[in-house]
Structure formats: C-alpha cells, structure tokens
Amino acid sequence: MLAAARLRVHPYHCSLIGDSAADVEVARAAETMCVGFANKPYKDLTLTEAGADAVVTDMTTVADTLASNPW
C-alpha cells in the first residue's frame, strides 16, 4: 500500500508479484491483484490455493504481457 500511496494510485490499480502464500495474503489485505510466481514445481498449486489471481512459472510471461499493453 505504501508504493500505491507514493504513486498516488489506488491499490486496485496495482499488482503484487510474489512467490509465497504470504505474498498472496498481503495482496488481499492491500486490496490489490496478485500474480503468483511459481519458481518451484510445487508452488503453482500452493499459490492457486492461496487465491492468486494468476500464476506464472516464468517472469518472461509477465514482462511480455507488460510490454504488449499500451496503457
């Protein structure tokens, strides 16, 4: 929430990228979207069960998606 406040945007317009269930919980508490980064084989299920909005296994997916959106 501090980052959103400093950027003067609502957390709803932000996303948190994290690799743990705790990161998903923080995103929920901040009322922001959460992308789970499954950097180990078992983490995809853990992050999905924790409630991540999306789960990726490669950060290139995130970079490509950001690069292709003309905000």
C-alpha atoms as a PDB file:
ATOM      1  CA  MET A   1       0.000   0.000   0.000  1.00  0.00           C
ATOM      2  CA  LEU A   2       2.911   2.324   0.598  1.00  0.00           C
ATOM      3  CA  ALA A   3       4.008   2.023  -3.025  1.00  0.00           C
ATOM      4  CA  ALA A   4       0.477   2.787  -4.247  1.00  0.00           C
ATOM      5  CA  ALA A   5       0.238   5.766  -1.909  1.00  0.00           C
ATOM      6  CA  ARG A   6       3.547   7.146  -3.093  1.00  0.00           C
ATOM      7  CA  LEU A   7       2.430   6.761  -6.699  1.00  0.00           C
ATOM      8  CA  ARG A   8      -0.917   8.339  -5.763  1.00  0.00           C
ATOM      9  CA  VAL A   9      -2.941   5.457  -7.174  1.00  0.00           C
ATOM     10  CA  HIS A  10      -5.475   3.173  -5.560  1.00  0.00           C
ATOM     11  CA  PRO A  11      -4.133  -0.324  -4.813  1.00  0.00           C
ATOM     12  CA  TYR A  12      -6.897  -1.652  -7.081  1.00  0.00           C
ATOM     13  CA  HIS A  13      -4.819  -0.371  -9.998  1.00  0.00           C
ATOM     14  CA  CYS A  14      -1.692  -2.216  -8.822  1.00  0.00           C
ATOM     15  CA  SER A  15      -0.482  -5.790  -8.785  1.00  0.00           C
ATOM     16  CA  LEU A  16       1.804  -7.598  -6.407  1.00  0.00           C
ATOM     17  CA  ILE A  17       4.053 -10.324  -7.773  1.00  0.00           C
ATOM     18  CA  GLY A  18       5.099 -12.804  -5.120  1.00  0.00           C
ATOM     19  CA  ASP A  19       6.288 -16.350  -4.689  1.00  0.00           C
ATOM     20  CA  SER A  20       4.582 -17.348  -1.439  1.00  0.00           C
ATOM     21  CA  ALA A  21       1.141 -17.773   0.061  1.00  0.00           C
ATOM     22  CA  ALA A  22       2.033 -14.953   2.453  1.00  0.00           C
ATOM     23  CA  ASP A  23       2.529 -12.650  -0.542  1.00  0.00           C
ATOM     24  CA  VAL A  24      -0.976 -13.536  -1.741  1.00  0.00           C
ATOM     25  CA  GLU A  25      -2.343 -12.717   1.716  1.00  0.00           C
ATOM     26  CA  VAL A  26      -0.576  -9.344   1.677  1.00  0.00           C
ATOM     27  CA  ALA A  27      -2.052  -8.560  -1.741  1.00  0.00           C
ATOM     28  CA  ARG A  28      -5.526  -9.416  -0.492  1.00  0.00           C
ATOM     29  CA  ALA A  29      -5.065  -7.241   2.589  1.00  0.00           C
ATOM     30  CA  ALA A  30      -3.924  -4.366   0.363  1.00  0.00           C
ATOM     31  CA  GLU A  31      -6.902  -4.918  -1.979  1.00  0.00           C
ATOM     32  CA  THR A  32      -4.660  -5.392  -4.987  1.00  0.00           C
ATOM     33  CA  MET A  33      -4.277  -8.074  -7.632  1.00  0.00           C
ATOM     34  CA  CYS A  34      -1.757 -10.845  -7.084  1.00  0.00           C
ATOM     35  CA  VAL A  35       0.380 -12.710  -9.591  1.00  0.00           C
ATOM     36  CA  GLY A  36       1.942 -15.791  -8.064  1.00  0.00           C
ATOM     37  CA  PHE A  37       5.427 -16.654  -9.279  1.00  0.00           C
ATOM     38  CA  ALA A  38       5.801 -20.425  -9.070  1.00  0.00           C
ATOM     39  CA  ASN A  39       9.583 -20.654  -9.102  1.00  0.00           C
ATOM     40  CA  LYS A  40       9.494 -24.233  -7.790  1.00  0.00           C
ATOM     41  CA  PRO A  41       7.371 -27.158  -9.047  1.00  0.00           C
ATOM     42  CA  TYR A  42       5.011 -27.355  -6.046  1.00  0.00           C
ATOM     43  CA  LYS A  43       4.346 -23.630  -5.784  1.00  0.00           C
ATOM     44  CA  ASP A  44       1.777 -23.424  -8.578  1.00  0.00           C
ATOM     45  CA  LEU A  45      -0.742 -25.371  -6.507  1.00  0.00           C
ATOM     46  CA  THR A  46       0.179 -23.535  -3.300  1.00  0.00           C
ATOM     47  CA  LEU A  47      -0.276 -20.118  -4.914  1.00  0.00           C
ATOM     48  CA  THR A  48      -3.506 -21.140  -6.631  1.00  0.00           C
ATOM     49  CA  GLU A  49      -4.946 -22.460  -3.382  1.00  0.00           C
ATOM     50  CA  ALA A  50      -3.878 -19.262  -1.613  1.00  0.00           C
ATOM     51  CA  GLY A  51      -6.004 -17.304  -4.095  1.00  0.00           C
ATOM     52  CA  ALA A  52      -3.549 -15.734  -6.532  1.00  0.00           C
ATOM     53  CA  ASP A  53      -5.339 -14.091  -9.457  1.00  0.00           C
ATOM     54  CA  ALA A  54      -2.832 -15.620 -11.864  1.00  0.00           C
ATOM     55  CA  VAL A  55       0.174 -17.916 -11.553  1.00  0.00           C
ATOM     56  CA  VAL A  56       3.220 -17.839 -13.812  1.00  0.00           C
ATOM     57  CA  THR A  57       6.285 -20.062 -13.892  1.00  0.00           C
ATOM     58  CA  ASP A  58       8.466 -17.693 -15.866  1.00  0.00           C
ATOM     59  CA  MET A  59       8.886 -13.962 -15.335  1.00  0.00           C
ATOM     60  CA  THR A  60       9.207 -13.571 -19.098  1.00  0.00           C
ATOM     61  CA  THR A  61       5.435 -14.065 -19.213  1.00  0.00           C
ATOM     62  CA  VAL A  62       4.972 -11.014 -17.002  1.00  0.00           C
ATOM     63  CA  ALA A  63       7.491  -8.931 -18.945  1.00  0.00           C
ATOM     64  CA  ASP A  64       5.936  -9.841 -22.298  1.00  0.00           C
ATOM     65  CA  THR A  65       2.444  -9.032 -21.043  1.00  0.00           C
ATOM     66  CA  LEU A  66       3.533  -5.654 -19.691  1.00  0.00           C
ATOM     67  CA  ALA A  67       5.417  -4.837 -22.885  1.00  0.00           C
ATOM     68  CA  SER A  68       2.440  -5.664 -25.090  1.00  0.00           C
ATOM     69  CA  ASN A  69      -0.062  -3.452 -23.237  1.00  0.00           C
ATOM     70  CA  PRO A  70      -0.238   0.170 -24.413  1.00  0.00           C
ATOM     71  CA  TRP A  71      -1.543   1.530 -21.094  1.00  0.00           C
END
